[in-house]
Amino acid sequence: MTKEEIKKSIENSKKELDKDSENFEKSIKDDLASFKKKTMDQI
């Protein structure tokens, strides 16, 4: 692999990790909102 290929691969990995992180964060927030709603419904 050339330096350019490695650099491009690292950039693509970073973009993918950032996207996965955002999706994970959104999923947790959605779960938390759902949990809060269920808890409030029970009260």
C-alpha atoms as a PDB file:
ATOM      1  CA  MET A   1       0.000   0.000   0.000  1.00  0.00           C
ATOM      2  CA  THR A   2       1.172   3.465  -0.767  1.00  0.00           C
ATOM      3  CA  LYS A   3       0.988   6.305   1.715  1.00  0.00           C
ATOM      4  CA  GLU A   4      -1.956   7.772  -0.215  1.00  0.00           C
ATOM      5  CA  GLU A   5      -3.898   4.493  -0.047  1.00  0.00           C
ATOM      6  CA  ILE A   6      -3.252   4.213   3.680  1.00  0.00           C
ATOM      7  CA  LYS A   7      -4.261   7.847   4.223  1.00  0.00           C
ATOM      8  CA  LYS A   8      -7.474   7.343   2.231  1.00  0.00           C
ATOM      9  CA  SER A   9      -8.247   4.133   4.136  1.00  0.00           C
ATOM     10  CA  ILE A  10      -7.773   5.907   7.480  1.00  0.00           C
ATOM     11  CA  GLU A  11     -10.022   8.787   6.397  1.00  0.00           C
ATOM     12  CA  ASN A  12     -12.741   6.349   5.290  1.00  0.00           C
ATOM     13  CA  SER A  13     -12.465   4.465   8.574  1.00  0.00           C
ATOM     14  CA  LYS A  14     -12.776   7.707  10.523  1.00  0.00           C
ATOM     15  CA  LYS A  15     -15.881   8.730   8.560  1.00  0.00           C
ATOM     16  CA  GLU A  16     -17.433   5.327   9.167  1.00  0.00           C
ATOM     17  CA  LEU A  17     -16.636   5.414  12.890  1.00  0.00           C
ATOM     18  CA  ASP A  18     -18.089   8.918  13.197  1.00  0.00           C
ATOM     19  CA  LYS A  19     -21.275   7.758  11.454  1.00  0.00           C
ATOM     20  CA  ASP A  20     -21.513   4.668  13.678  1.00  0.00           C
ATOM     21  CA  SER A  21     -20.959   6.837  16.746  1.00  0.00           C
ATOM     22  CA  GLU A  22     -23.770   9.200  15.734  1.00  0.00           C
ATOM     23  CA  ASN A  23     -26.130   6.287  15.094  1.00  0.00           C
ATOM     24  CA  PHE A  24     -25.223   4.727  18.457  1.00  0.00           C
ATOM     25  CA  GLU A  25     -25.754   8.038  20.253  1.00  0.00           C
ATOM     26  CA  LYS A  26     -29.133   8.531  18.550  1.00  0.00           C
ATOM     27  CA  SER A  27     -30.151   4.979  19.456  1.00  0.00           C
ATOM     28  CA  ILE A  28     -29.299   5.548  23.133  1.00  0.00           C
ATOM     29  CA  LYS A  29     -31.206   8.850  23.197  1.00  0.00           C
ATOM     30  CA  ASP A  30     -34.235   7.196  21.593  1.00  0.00           C
ATOM     31  CA  ASP A  31     -34.095   4.343  24.108  1.00  0.00           C
ATOM     32  CA  LEU A  32     -33.814   6.807  26.975  1.00  0.00           C
ATOM     33  CA  ALA A  33     -36.788   8.835  25.704  1.00  0.00           C
ATOM     34  CA  SER A  34     -38.800   5.632  25.343  1.00  0.00           C
ATOM     35  CA  PHE A  35     -37.839   4.523  28.856  1.00  0.00           C
ATOM     36  CA  LYS A  36     -38.819   7.922  30.299  1.00  0.00           C
ATOM     37  CA  LYS A  37     -42.184   7.766  28.543  1.00  0.00           C
ATOM     38  CA  LYS A  38     -42.882   4.225  29.818  1.00  0.00           C
ATOM     39  CA  THR A  39     -41.884   5.269  33.344  1.00  0.00           C
ATOM     40  CA  MET A  40     -44.136   8.330  33.261  1.00  0.00           C
ATOM     41  CA  ASP A  41     -47.020   6.214  31.925  1.00  0.00           C
ATOM     42  CA  GLN A  42     -46.632   3.848  34.869  1.00  0.00           C
ATOM     43  CA  ILE A  43     -46.736   6.677  37.411  1.00  0.00           C
END
